[in-house]
Amino acid sequence: MSGDGMLGFCMKRMLIFAFILFFTGSFSVEAKPRFIIYYNSDASALAEAAKFEYTHVILSFLNAEIDQENRIVLRPPAKIDGQWESVKILQRKGVKVLISFGGGLAKAEDYKRFVGRESELASAIGRYVRQKQLDGVDLDFEASEMLYKKRKVGVADGKDFLIKFTKALRHELPTPKFSISHAPQSPYLNPEWHGGPYLEILKASAEEIDWITVQYYNNPGQDDPVVTKVVGTAKKVYSTSYRGLVAKNGALAWPSEKIVIGKPVYKADAFSGHVPPQDIIKKIIMPLSSEFGDLFGGIAGWQFSTHTNDHRTWNGEIGRALSQ
């Protein structure tokens, strides 16, 4: 292709992207795939993340409880005490820093205390985010029994809670200044798993959510093979694969730029779903970038460190592969 032809091609691609953004207020305004890392272990300093090409760093995990006076009290992760200068270093580089609410240790009984108090919980989190000058909130809801089609007596409705909570959070943290993401496990999006309860949550909250990071790990049988279960390159596209979630005739038909693929960085970071970093590039980034270009939503890693070869490769080579 000639220089003029290439310039015309690039301009056309940018105009198409701008057209999509203009007519869809819920689409992300980020023009390149996200490169997200969760900060959960303080084995490596948070400020180290600023040396790499991460677009977002998510601090884990914020939780809450009810005090003796029946007030909602937030419990920030102890590991971020004294880290606020590091947060500023990241933000000065242009990195968005969010905090994740929930996590795998937050159980149904923990969430039950906030049912009916979603706006109050959102207000407390909104104040915290603004006070700490963070860029948004990630919701990592893993209380699976709250999403069952038939819940046990006494177990609250997780779908209703998350829909109300997400809308209340958006009211507290308006777009475009603040981002709100969700991090559902892949089975939650599968119609064969209790009807795919997260599909209803996402459809009801589409305008409030900037992107979803699908957890393609810790779910044996749903994490691999990568080609079929994550990317979705097969004759019959798997429903919770990236291409399955994007498909117009699929159960969700979610915009591609609002889907991020979540994978463990190192084999010890999860009990299933680990993929060697070079295979992340070859089997996930390359085919999806080729197909979706700048509308590929990106990659998220669990979790930040500089200690192993896998972590170091994620920090360097995966970021470069996404930005090419």
C-alpha atoms as a PDB file:
ATOM      1  CA  MET A   1       0.000   0.000   0.000  1.00  0.00           C
ATOM      2  CA  SER A   2       1.344   3.453  -0.872  1.00  0.00           C
ATOM      3  CA  GLY A   3       1.996   6.106   1.756  1.00  0.00           C
ATOM      4  CA  ASP A   4      -1.095   8.048   0.660  1.00  0.00           C
ATOM      5  CA  GLY A   5      -3.129   4.859   0.623  1.00  0.00           C
ATOM      6  CA  MET A   6      -1.997   3.913   4.134  1.00  0.00           C
ATOM      7  CA  LEU A   7      -2.772   7.426   5.405  1.00  0.00           C
ATOM      8  CA  GLY A   8      -6.241   7.226   3.890  1.00  0.00           C
ATOM      9  CA  PHE A   9      -6.804   3.803   5.459  1.00  0.00           C
ATOM     10  CA  CYS A  10      -5.774   5.061   8.906  1.00  0.00           C
ATOM     11  CA  MET A  11      -7.935   8.182   8.614  1.00  0.00           C
ATOM     12  CA  LYS A  12     -10.913   6.089   7.568  1.00  0.00           C
ATOM     13  CA  ARG A  13     -10.387   3.758  10.534  1.00  0.00           C
ATOM     14  CA  MET A  14     -10.192   6.705  12.930  1.00  0.00           C
ATOM     15  CA  LEU A  15     -13.353   8.260  11.464  1.00  0.00           C
ATOM     16  CA  ILE A  16     -15.249   4.993  11.838  1.00  0.00           C
ATOM     17  CA  PHE A  17     -14.116   4.725  15.441  1.00  0.00           C
ATOM     18  CA  ALA A  18     -15.128   8.333  16.144  1.00  0.00           C
ATOM     19  CA  PHE A  19     -18.521   7.718  14.515  1.00  0.00           C
ATOM     20  CA  ILE A  20     -19.115   4.736  16.813  1.00  0.00           C
ATOM     21  CA  LEU A  21     -18.122   6.734  19.890  1.00  0.00           C
ATOM     22  CA  PHE A  22     -20.313   9.707  18.954  1.00  0.00           C
ATOM     23  CA  PHE A  23     -23.466   7.648  18.576  1.00  0.00           C
ATOM     24  CA  THR A  24     -22.883   5.337  21.563  1.00  0.00           C
ATOM     25  CA  GLY A  25     -22.406   7.153  24.811  1.00  0.00           C
ATOM     26  CA  SER A  26     -21.673   3.924  26.675  1.00  0.00           C
ATOM     27  CA  PHE A  27     -18.568   3.069  24.641  1.00  0.00           C
ATOM     28  CA  SER A  28     -15.121   3.647  26.076  1.00  0.00           C
ATOM     29  CA  VAL A  29     -13.259   6.669  24.769  1.00  0.00           C
ATOM     30  CA  GLU A  30      -9.908   4.878  25.001  1.00  0.00           C
ATOM     31  CA  ALA A  31      -8.495   4.400  21.518  1.00  0.00           C
ATOM     32  CA  LYS A  32      -6.137   1.526  22.269  1.00  0.00           C
ATOM     33  CA  PRO A  33      -6.532  -1.833  23.998  1.00  0.00           C
ATOM     34  CA  ARG A  34      -6.351  -1.622  27.781  1.00  0.00           C
ATOM     35  CA  PHE A  35      -3.432  -3.205  29.572  1.00  0.00           C
ATOM     36  CA  ILE A  36      -4.644  -3.721  33.135  1.00  0.00           C
ATOM     37  CA  ILE A  37      -2.915  -5.157  36.168  1.00  0.00           C
ATOM     38  CA  TYR A  38      -4.366  -5.910  39.598  1.00  0.00           C
ATOM     39  CA  TYR A  39      -2.245  -4.941  42.584  1.00  0.00           C
ATOM     40  CA  ASN A  40      -3.024  -7.428  45.326  1.00  0.00           C
ATOM     41  CA  SER A  41       0.342  -8.591  46.637  1.00  0.00           C
ATOM     42  CA  ASP A  42       2.757  -6.031  48.041  1.00  0.00           C
ATOM     43  CA  ALA A  43       5.720  -8.294  47.255  1.00  0.00           C
ATOM     44  CA  SER A  44       6.703  -5.701  44.656  1.00  0.00           C
ATOM     45  CA  ALA A  45       6.312  -1.967  45.158  1.00  0.00           C
ATOM     46  CA  LEU A  46       3.291  -0.354  43.530  1.00  0.00           C
ATOM     47  CA  ALA A  47       5.457   2.398  42.057  1.00  0.00           C
ATOM     48  CA  GLU A  48       7.295  -0.237  39.998  1.00  0.00           C
ATOM     49  CA  ALA A  49       4.187  -0.555  37.800  1.00  0.00           C
ATOM     50  CA  ALA A  50       4.863   2.958  36.468  1.00  0.00           C
ATOM     51  CA  LYS A  51       7.918   1.630  34.613  1.00  0.00           C
ATOM     52  CA  PHE A  52       5.733  -0.386  32.246  1.00  0.00           C
ATOM     53  CA  GLU A  53       2.966   0.197  29.702  1.00  0.00           C
ATOM     54  CA  TYR A  54      -0.044  -0.427  31.930  1.00  0.00           C
ATOM     55  CA  THR A  55      -3.055   1.731  31.158  1.00  0.00           C
ATOM     56  CA  HIS A  56      -4.874   0.819  34.391  1.00  0.00           C
ATOM     57  CA  VAL A  57      -3.818  -0.428  37.815  1.00  0.00           C
ATOM     58  CA  ILE A  58      -6.544  -1.826  40.069  1.00  0.00           C
ATOM     59  CA  LEU A  59      -5.962  -1.895  43.821  1.00  0.00           C
ATOM     60  CA  SER A  60      -7.430  -4.905  45.608  1.00  0.00           C
ATOM     61  CA  PHE A  61      -9.653  -5.239  47.642  1.00  0.00           C
ATOM     62  CA  LEU A  62     -11.930  -2.690  49.269  1.00  0.00           C
ATOM     63  CA  ASN A  63     -14.579  -4.143  51.577  1.00  0.00           C
ATOM     64  CA  ALA A  64     -17.164  -2.845  54.021  1.00  0.00           C
ATOM     65  CA  GLU A  65     -18.984  -3.734  57.201  1.00  0.00           C
ATOM     66  CA  ILE A  66     -21.719  -2.392  59.489  1.00  0.00           C
ATOM     67  CA  ASP A  67     -20.585  -0.785  62.741  1.00  0.00           C
ATOM     68  CA  GLN A  68     -22.359  -0.817  66.098  1.00  0.00           C
ATOM     69  CA  GLU A  69     -24.317   2.283  65.153  1.00  0.00           C
ATOM     70  CA  ASN A  70     -25.604   0.605  61.961  1.00  0.00           C
ATOM     71  CA  ARG A  71     -23.386   2.705  59.703  1.00  0.00           C
ATOM     72  CA  ILE A  72     -21.554   1.395  56.670  1.00  0.00           C
ATOM     73  CA  VAL A  73     -17.813   1.524  57.279  1.00  0.00           C
ATOM     74  CA  LEU A  74     -15.299   0.855  54.504  1.00  0.00           C
ATOM     75  CA  ARG A  75     -12.306  -1.405  55.047  1.00  0.00           C
ATOM     76  CA  PRO A  76      -9.540  -0.479  52.574  1.00  0.00           C
ATOM     77  CA  PRO A  77      -6.779  -3.022  51.940  1.00  0.00           C
ATOM     78  CA  ALA A  78      -3.952  -2.538  54.452  1.00  0.00           C
ATOM     79  CA  LYS A  79      -1.357  -2.962  51.710  1.00  0.00           C
ATOM     80  CA  ILE A  80      -2.191   0.438  50.200  1.00  0.00           C
ATOM     81  CA  ASP A  81      -1.502   2.364  53.417  1.00  0.00           C
ATOM     82  CA  GLY A  82       1.296   4.774  52.620  1.00  0.00           C
ATOM     83  CA  GLN A  83       0.995   4.082  48.871  1.00  0.00           C
ATOM     84  CA  TRP A  84      -0.764   7.273  47.859  1.00  0.00           C
ATOM     85  CA  GLU A  85       2.369   8.929  46.517  1.00  0.00           C
ATOM     86  CA  SER A  86       2.845   5.844  44.300  1.00  0.00           C
ATOM     87  CA  VAL A  87      -0.728   6.280  43.070  1.00  0.00           C
ATOM     88  CA  LYS A  88       0.112   9.864  42.106  1.00  0.00           C
ATOM     89  CA  ILE A  89       3.248   8.692  40.287  1.00  0.00           C
ATOM     90  CA  LEU A  90       1.131   6.308  38.214  1.00  0.00           C
ATOM     91  CA  GLN A  91      -1.483   8.944  37.478  1.00  0.00           C
ATOM     92  CA  ARG A  92       1.106  11.503  36.423  1.00  0.00           C
ATOM     93  CA  LYS A  93       2.234   8.984  33.828  1.00  0.00           C
ATOM     94  CA  GLY A  94      -1.342   8.748  32.562  1.00  0.00           C
ATOM     95  CA  VAL A  95      -2.235   5.466  34.257  1.00  0.00           C
ATOM     96  CA  LYS A  96      -5.780   5.202  35.613  1.00  0.00           C
ATOM     97  CA  VAL A  97      -5.882   3.826  39.165  1.00  0.00           C
ATOM     98  CA  LEU A  98      -9.087   2.144  40.318  1.00  0.00           C
ATOM     99  CA  ILE A  99      -9.960   0.223  43.456  1.00  0.00           C
ATOM    100  CA  SER A 100     -11.726  -3.141  43.358  1.00  0.00           C
ATOM    101  CA  PHE A 101     -14.637  -3.829  45.687  1.00  0.00           C
ATOM    102  CA  GLY A 102     -15.371  -7.382  46.816  1.00  0.00           C
ATOM    103  CA  GLY A 103     -13.046 -10.184  45.765  1.00  0.00           C
ATOM    104  CA  GLY A 104     -13.064 -13.907  46.358  1.00  0.00           C
ATOM    105  CA  LEU A 105     -13.177 -13.605  50.151  1.00  0.00           C
ATOM    106  CA  ALA A 106     -16.418 -11.570  50.154  1.00  0.00           C
ATOM    107  CA  LYS A 107     -19.229 -14.067  50.783  1.00  0.00           C
ATOM    108  CA  ALA A 108     -23.019 -14.017  50.447  1.00  0.00           C
ATOM    109  CA  GLU A 109     -23.455 -13.206  54.135  1.00  0.00           C
ATOM    110  CA  ASP A 110     -21.162 -10.187  53.711  1.00  0.00           C
ATOM    111  CA  TYR A 111     -23.190  -8.786  50.830  1.00  0.00           C
ATOM    112  CA  LYS A 112     -26.549  -9.544  52.467  1.00  0.00           C
ATOM    113  CA  ARG A 113     -26.032  -6.763  55.001  1.00  0.00           C
ATOM    114  CA  PHE A 114     -25.984  -4.213  52.130  1.00  0.00           C
ATOM    115  CA  VAL A 115     -29.101  -5.433  50.313  1.00  0.00           C
ATOM    116  CA  GLY A 116     -31.568  -2.556  50.399  1.00  0.00           C
ATOM    117  CA  ARG A 117     -28.710  -0.197  51.254  1.00  0.00           C
ATOM    118  CA  GLU A 118     -27.070  -0.105  47.820  1.00  0.00           C
ATOM    119  CA  SER A 119     -27.231   3.680  47.528  1.00  0.00           C
ATOM    120  CA  GLU A 120     -25.717   4.123  50.979  1.00  0.00           C
ATOM    121  CA  LEU A 121     -22.871   1.733  50.134  1.00  0.00           C
ATOM    122  CA  ALA A 122     -22.282   3.462  46.807  1.00  0.00           C
ATOM    123  CA  SER A 123     -22.213   6.843  48.530  1.00  0.00           C
ATOM    124  CA  ALA A 124     -19.533   5.653  50.978  1.00  0.00           C
ATOM    125  CA  ILE A 125     -17.414   4.241  48.135  1.00  0.00           C
ATOM    126  CA  GLY A 126     -17.918   7.365  46.038  1.00  0.00           C
ATOM    127  CA  ARG A 127     -16.656   9.569  48.872  1.00  0.00           C
ATOM    128  CA  TYR A 128     -13.620   7.328  49.320  1.00  0.00           C
ATOM    129  CA  VAL A 129     -12.754   7.391  45.609  1.00  0.00           C
ATOM    130  CA  ARG A 130     -13.056  11.174  45.442  1.00  0.00           C
ATOM    131  CA  GLN A 131     -11.103  11.742  48.670  1.00  0.00           C
ATOM    132  CA  LYS A 132      -8.270   9.502  47.505  1.00  0.00           C
ATOM    133  CA  GLN A 133      -8.438  10.977  43.980  1.00  0.00           C
ATOM    134  CA  LEU A 134      -8.826   7.578  42.361  1.00  0.00           C
ATOM    135  CA  ASP A 135     -10.169   7.039  38.856  1.00  0.00           C
ATOM    136  CA  GLY A 136     -12.977   4.607  39.521  1.00  0.00           C
ATOM    137  CA  VAL A 137     -14.220   1.301  40.908  1.00  0.00           C
ATOM    138  CA  ASP A 138     -14.010  -2.300  39.771  1.00  0.00           C
ATOM    139  CA  LEU A 139     -16.682  -4.707  41.057  1.00  0.00           C
ATOM    140  CA  ASP A 140     -15.359  -8.220  41.642  1.00  0.00           C
ATOM    141  CA  PHE A 141     -18.434 -10.128  42.797  1.00  0.00           C
ATOM    142  CA  GLU A 142     -17.786 -13.828  43.431  1.00  0.00           C
ATOM    143  CA  ALA A 143     -20.588 -14.821  45.804  1.00  0.00           C
ATOM    144  CA  SER A 144     -21.821 -17.445  43.343  1.00  0.00           C
ATOM    145  CA  GLU A 145     -24.711 -18.731  45.457  1.00  0.00           C
ATOM    146  CA  MET A 146     -26.356 -15.304  45.181  1.00  0.00           C
ATOM    147  CA  LEU A 147     -26.539 -15.825  41.401  1.00  0.00           C
ATOM    148  CA  TYR A 148     -28.073 -19.312  41.413  1.00  0.00           C
ATOM    149  CA  LYS A 149     -31.360 -19.734  39.580  1.00  0.00           C
ATOM    150  CA  LYS A 150     -32.770 -21.346  42.746  1.00  0.00           C
ATOM    151  CA  ARG A 151     -31.176 -19.808  45.795  1.00  0.00           C
ATOM    152  CA  LYS A 152     -31.192 -21.295  49.271  1.00  0.00           C
ATOM    153  CA  VAL A 153     -33.490 -19.738  51.847  1.00  0.00           C
ATOM    154  CA  GLY A 154     -31.864 -16.630  53.269  1.00  0.00           C
ATOM    155  CA  VAL A 155     -29.531 -16.040  50.327  1.00  0.00           C
ATOM    156  CA  ALA A 156     -30.115 -12.621  48.750  1.00  0.00           C
ATOM    157  CA  ASP A 157     -30.663 -11.957  45.044  1.00  0.00           C
ATOM    158  CA  GLY A 158     -27.229 -11.076  43.663  1.00  0.00           C
ATOM    159  CA  LYS A 159     -28.572  -9.888  40.316  1.00  0.00           C
ATOM    160  CA  ASP A 160     -30.897  -7.323  41.841  1.00  0.00           C
ATOM    161  CA  PHE A 161     -28.201  -6.173  44.255  1.00  0.00           C
ATOM    162  CA  LEU A 162     -25.571  -5.679  41.548  1.00  0.00           C
ATOM    163  CA  ILE A 163     -27.906  -3.839  39.193  1.00  0.00           C
ATOM    164  CA  LYS A 164     -28.993  -1.389  41.915  1.00  0.00           C
ATOM    165  CA  PHE A 165     -25.456  -1.048  43.260  1.00  0.00           C
ATOM    166  CA  THR A 166     -23.952  -0.349  39.815  1.00  0.00           C
ATOM    167  CA  LYS A 167     -26.525   2.317  39.017  1.00  0.00           C
ATOM    168  CA  ALA A 168     -26.019   3.938  42.429  1.00  0.00           C
ATOM    169  CA  LEU A 169     -22.241   3.920  41.924  1.00  0.00           C
ATOM    170  CA  ARG A 170     -22.579   5.634  38.551  1.00  0.00           C
ATOM    171  CA  HIS A 171     -24.727   8.314  40.164  1.00  0.00           C
ATOM    172  CA  GLU A 172     -21.925   8.899  42.691  1.00  0.00           C
ATOM    173  CA  LEU A 173     -19.100   8.614  40.151  1.00  0.00           C
ATOM    174  CA  PRO A 174     -20.237  10.192  36.878  1.00  0.00           C
ATOM    175  CA  THR A 175     -18.749   9.459  33.488  1.00  0.00           C
ATOM    176  CA  PRO A 176     -16.369  10.314  31.895  1.00  0.00           C
ATOM    177  CA  LYS A 177     -14.320  11.354  34.918  1.00  0.00           C
ATOM    178  CA  PHE A 178     -14.712   8.010  36.672  1.00  0.00           C
ATOM    179  CA  SER A 179     -14.670   4.447  35.350  1.00  0.00           C
ATOM    180  CA  ILE A 180     -16.778   1.546  36.553  1.00  0.00           C
ATOM    181  CA  SER A 181     -15.852  -1.997  35.566  1.00  0.00           C
ATOM    182  CA  HIS A 182     -17.097  -5.464  36.481  1.00  0.00           C
ATOM    183  CA  ALA A 183     -15.016  -8.632  36.700  1.00  0.00           C
ATOM    184  CA  PRO A 184     -17.383 -11.597  36.288  1.00  0.00           C
ATOM    185  CA  GLN A 185     -16.146 -15.171  36.200  1.00  0.00           C
ATOM    186  CA  SER A 186     -16.744 -16.654  32.766  1.00  0.00           C
ATOM    187  CA  PRO A 187     -19.402 -19.217  33.838  1.00  0.00           C
ATOM    188  CA  TYR A 188     -21.586 -16.374  35.134  1.00  0.00           C
ATOM    189  CA  LEU A 189     -22.071 -15.367  31.477  1.00  0.00           C
ATOM    190  CA  ASN A 190     -22.930 -18.864  30.293  1.00  0.00           C
ATOM    191  CA  PRO A 191     -26.646 -19.569  29.724  1.00  0.00           C
ATOM    192  CA  GLU A 192     -25.956 -23.158  30.750  1.00  0.00           C
ATOM    193  CA  TRP A 193     -24.843 -22.003  34.227  1.00  0.00           C
ATOM    194  CA  HIS A 194     -28.014 -21.051  36.119  1.00  0.00           C
ATOM    195  CA  GLY A 195     -29.244 -19.232  33.019  1.00  0.00           C
ATOM    196  CA  GLY A 196     -26.161 -16.990  32.734  1.00  0.00           C
ATOM    197  CA  PRO A 197     -27.181 -14.568  35.520  1.00  0.00           C
ATOM    198  CA  TYR A 198     -24.578 -11.942  34.715  1.00  0.00           C
ATOM    199  CA  LEU A 199     -26.071 -11.480  31.271  1.00  0.00           C
ATOM    200  CA  GLU A 200     -29.116  -9.866  32.883  1.00  0.00           C
ATOM    201  CA  ILE A 201     -26.918  -7.696  35.113  1.00  0.00           C
ATOM    202  CA  LEU A 202     -24.895  -6.404  32.173  1.00  0.00           C
ATOM    203  CA  LYS A 203     -27.889  -5.732  29.954  1.00  0.00           C
ATOM    204  CA  ALA A 204     -29.589  -3.785  32.729  1.00  0.00           C
ATOM    205  CA  SER A 205     -26.432  -1.807  33.572  1.00  0.00           C
ATOM    206  CA  ALA A 206     -24.855  -1.394  30.128  1.00  0.00           C
ATOM    207  CA  GLU A 207     -24.871   2.403  30.244  1.00  0.00           C
ATOM    208  CA  GLU A 208     -23.188   2.456  33.656  1.00  0.00           C
ATOM    209  CA  ILE A 209     -20.350   0.012  32.907  1.00  0.00           C
ATOM    210  CA  ASP A 210     -17.223   1.043  30.989  1.00  0.00           C
ATOM    211  CA  TRP A 211     -15.890  -2.487  30.518  1.00  0.00           C
ATOM    212  CA  ILE A 212     -15.987  -6.008  31.897  1.00  0.00           C
ATOM    213  CA  THR A 213     -12.894  -8.036  32.721  1.00  0.00           C
ATOM    214  CA  VAL A 214     -13.933 -11.648  32.234  1.00  0.00           C
ATOM    215  CA  GLN A 215     -12.081 -13.936  34.632  1.00  0.00           C
ATOM    216  CA  TYR A 216     -10.886 -16.803  32.461  1.00  0.00           C
ATOM    217  CA  TYR A 217      -9.264 -18.532  35.413  1.00  0.00           C
ATOM    218  CA  ASN A 218     -10.151 -20.524  38.540  1.00  0.00           C
ATOM    219  CA  ASN A 219     -12.959 -22.173  36.559  1.00  0.00           C
ATOM    220  CA  PRO A 220     -11.691 -25.567  35.330  1.00  0.00           C
ATOM    221  CA  GLY A 221     -13.309 -26.534  32.042  1.00  0.00           C
ATOM    222  CA  GLN A 222     -14.075 -22.890  31.224  1.00  0.00           C
ATOM    223  CA  ASP A 223     -10.503 -21.549  31.122  1.00  0.00           C
ATOM    224  CA  ASP A 224      -9.028 -23.545  28.262  1.00  0.00           C
ATOM    225  CA  PRO A 225      -8.293 -24.466  25.579  1.00  0.00           C
ATOM    226  CA  VAL A 226      -7.624 -20.807  24.865  1.00  0.00           C
ATOM    227  CA  VAL A 227      -8.489 -21.069  21.176  1.00  0.00           C
ATOM    228  CA  THR A 228     -12.062 -22.184  21.837  1.00  0.00           C
ATOM    229  CA  LYS A 229     -12.973 -21.112  25.386  1.00  0.00           C
ATOM    230  CA  VAL A 230     -11.256 -17.705  25.498  1.00  0.00           C
ATOM    231  CA  VAL A 231     -10.791 -16.403  21.947  1.00  0.00           C
ATOM    232  CA  GLY A 232     -13.613 -18.371  20.344  1.00  0.00           C
ATOM    233  CA  THR A 233     -12.073 -19.489  17.076  1.00  0.00           C
ATOM    234  CA  ALA A 234     -14.130 -22.553  16.283  1.00  0.00           C
ATOM    235  CA  LYS A 235     -16.931 -23.541  13.923  1.00  0.00           C
ATOM    236  CA  LYS A 236     -19.453 -23.071  16.713  1.00  0.00           C
ATOM    237  CA  VAL A 237     -18.234 -20.134  18.795  1.00  0.00           C
ATOM    238  CA  TYR A 238     -18.286 -20.835  22.530  1.00  0.00           C
ATOM    239  CA  SER A 239     -20.806 -18.560  24.259  1.00  0.00           C
ATOM    240  CA  THR A 240     -18.481 -17.067  26.877  1.00  0.00           C
ATOM    241  CA  SER A 241     -15.451 -16.671  24.616  1.00  0.00           C
ATOM    242  CA  TYR A 242     -14.497 -13.157  23.525  1.00  0.00           C
ATOM    243  CA  ARG A 243     -16.007 -13.665  20.085  1.00  0.00           C
ATOM    244  CA  GLY A 244     -19.048 -15.350  21.592  1.00  0.00           C
ATOM    245  CA  LEU A 245     -19.733 -12.379  23.867  1.00  0.00           C
ATOM    246  CA  VAL A 246     -19.306  -9.952  20.954  1.00  0.00           C
ATOM    247  CA  ALA A 247     -21.423 -11.948  18.470  1.00  0.00           C
ATOM    248  CA  LYS A 248     -24.539 -10.076  17.372  1.00  0.00           C
ATOM    249  CA  ASN A 249     -26.554 -13.279  17.537  1.00  0.00           C
ATOM    250  CA  GLY A 250     -25.035 -14.283  20.890  1.00  0.00           C
ATOM    251  CA  ALA A 251     -26.528 -14.120  24.354  1.00  0.00           C
ATOM    252  CA  LEU A 252     -24.920 -10.767  25.189  1.00  0.00           C
ATOM    253  CA  ALA A 253     -23.810  -8.933  21.988  1.00  0.00           C
ATOM    254  CA  TRP A 254     -21.510  -6.738  24.090  1.00  0.00           C
ATOM    255  CA  PRO A 255     -19.277  -4.136  22.357  1.00  0.00           C
ATOM    256  CA  SER A 256     -15.824  -5.599  21.751  1.00  0.00           C
ATOM    257  CA  GLU A 257     -14.029  -2.555  23.191  1.00  0.00           C
ATOM    258  CA  LYS A 258     -15.850  -3.166  26.485  1.00  0.00           C
ATOM    259  CA  ILE A 259     -14.489  -6.695  26.981  1.00  0.00           C
ATOM    260  CA  VAL A 260     -11.134  -7.330  28.643  1.00  0.00           C
ATOM    261  CA  ILE A 261      -9.648 -10.813  28.940  1.00  0.00           C
ATOM    262  CA  GLY A 262      -8.477 -11.617  32.455  1.00  0.00           C
ATOM    263  CA  LYS A 263      -5.744 -14.202  32.987  1.00  0.00           C
ATOM    264  CA  PRO A 264      -3.379 -15.149  35.832  1.00  0.00           C
ATOM    265  CA  VAL A 265       0.123 -13.811  35.301  1.00  0.00           C
ATOM    266  CA  TYR A 266       1.951 -16.697  36.973  1.00  0.00           C
ATOM    267  CA  LYS A 267       0.828 -20.283  37.536  1.00  0.00           C
ATOM    268  CA  ALA A 268       0.716 -19.738  41.313  1.00  0.00           C
ATOM    269  CA  ASP A 269      -1.615 -16.738  40.878  1.00  0.00           C
ATOM    270  CA  ALA A 270      -4.578 -19.052  40.216  1.00  0.00           C
ATOM    271  CA  PHE A 271      -5.361 -22.748  40.462  1.00  0.00           C
ATOM    272  CA  SER A 272      -6.407 -22.997  36.807  1.00  0.00           C
ATOM    273  CA  GLY A 273      -6.294 -20.975  33.618  1.00  0.00           C
ATOM    274  CA  HIS A 274      -2.628 -20.013  33.516  1.00  0.00           C
ATOM    275  CA  VAL A 275      -1.214 -19.503  30.023  1.00  0.00           C
ATOM    276  CA  PRO A 276       2.500 -18.843  29.376  1.00  0.00           C
ATOM    277  CA  PRO A 277       2.988 -15.160  28.489  1.00  0.00           C
ATOM    278  CA  GLN A 278       4.237 -15.875  24.996  1.00  0.00           C
ATOM    279  CA  ASP A 279       1.035 -17.821  24.342  1.00  0.00           C
ATOM    280  CA  ILE A 280      -0.987 -14.854  25.625  1.00  0.00           C
ATOM    281  CA  ILE A 281       0.626 -12.848  22.834  1.00  0.00           C
ATOM    282  CA  LYS A 282       0.423 -15.532  20.157  1.00  0.00           C
ATOM    283  CA  LYS A 283      -2.982 -17.083  20.912  1.00  0.00           C
ATOM    284  CA  ILE A 284      -4.958 -14.149  22.326  1.00  0.00           C
ATOM    285  CA  ILE A 285      -3.507 -10.735  21.505  1.00  0.00           C
ATOM    286  CA  MET A 286      -2.432 -11.397  17.929  1.00  0.00           C
ATOM    287  CA  PRO A 287      -5.680 -12.942  16.613  1.00  0.00           C
ATOM    288  CA  LEU A 288      -7.983 -10.541  18.459  1.00  0.00           C
ATOM    289  CA  SER A 289      -5.927  -7.446  17.581  1.00  0.00           C
ATOM    290  CA  SER A 290      -5.896  -8.603  13.978  1.00  0.00           C
ATOM    291  CA  GLU A 291      -9.677  -8.985  13.940  1.00  0.00           C
ATOM    292  CA  PHE A 292     -10.782  -6.048  16.105  1.00  0.00           C
ATOM    293  CA  GLY A 293      -7.889  -3.581  15.881  1.00  0.00           C
ATOM    294  CA  ASP A 294      -8.274  -0.662  18.283  1.00  0.00           C
ATOM    295  CA  LEU A 295     -11.669  -2.050  19.278  1.00  0.00           C
ATOM    296  CA  PHE A 296     -10.038  -5.012  21.016  1.00  0.00           C
ATOM    297  CA  GLY A 297     -10.811  -4.346  24.689  1.00  0.00           C
ATOM    298  CA  GLY A 298      -7.497  -5.531  26.098  1.00  0.00           C
ATOM    299  CA  ILE A 299      -5.841  -7.808  28.628  1.00  0.00           C
ATOM    300  CA  ALA A 300      -5.876  -7.844  32.435  1.00  0.00           C
ATOM    301  CA  GLY A 301      -3.407  -9.714  34.611  1.00  0.00           C
ATOM    302  CA  TRP A 302      -3.802 -11.106  38.099  1.00  0.00           C
ATOM    303  CA  GLN A 303      -1.474  -9.965  39.715  1.00  0.00           C
ATOM    304  CA  PHE A 304       1.419  -7.460  39.694  1.00  0.00           C
ATOM    305  CA  SER A 305       4.920  -8.551  40.658  1.00  0.00           C
ATOM    306  CA  THR A 306       8.422  -8.338  39.274  1.00  0.00           C
ATOM    307  CA  HIS A 307       9.660 -11.588  40.830  1.00  0.00           C
ATOM    308  CA  THR A 308       9.175 -14.338  38.228  1.00  0.00           C
ATOM    309  CA  ASN A 309       9.962 -14.578  34.531  1.00  0.00           C
ATOM    310  CA  ASP A 310       6.222 -14.718  33.800  1.00  0.00           C
ATOM    311  CA  HIS A 311       5.610 -11.518  35.751  1.00  0.00           C
ATOM    312  CA  ARG A 312       8.506  -9.748  34.069  1.00  0.00           C
ATOM    313  CA  THR A 313       7.346 -10.857  30.615  1.00  0.00           C
ATOM    314  CA  TRP A 314       3.821  -9.620  31.325  1.00  0.00           C
ATOM    315  CA  ASN A 315       5.175  -6.273  32.525  1.00  0.00           C
ATOM    316  CA  GLY A 316       7.215  -5.782  29.370  1.00  0.00           C
ATOM    317  CA  GLU A 317       6.408  -7.847  26.309  1.00  0.00           C
ATOM    318  CA  ILE A 318       2.630  -8.063  26.618  1.00  0.00           C
ATOM    319  CA  GLY A 319       2.351  -4.280  26.911  1.00  0.00           C
ATOM    320  CA  ARG A 320       4.449  -3.848  23.793  1.00  0.00           C
ATOM    321  CA  ALA A 321       2.389  -6.430  21.890  1.00  0.00           C
ATOM    322  CA  LEU A 322      -0.831  -4.574  22.750  1.00  0.00           C
ATOM    323  CA  SER A 323       0.529  -1.207  21.647  1.00  0.00           C
ATOM    324  CA  GLN A 324       1.760  -2.356  18.215  1.00  0.00           C
END
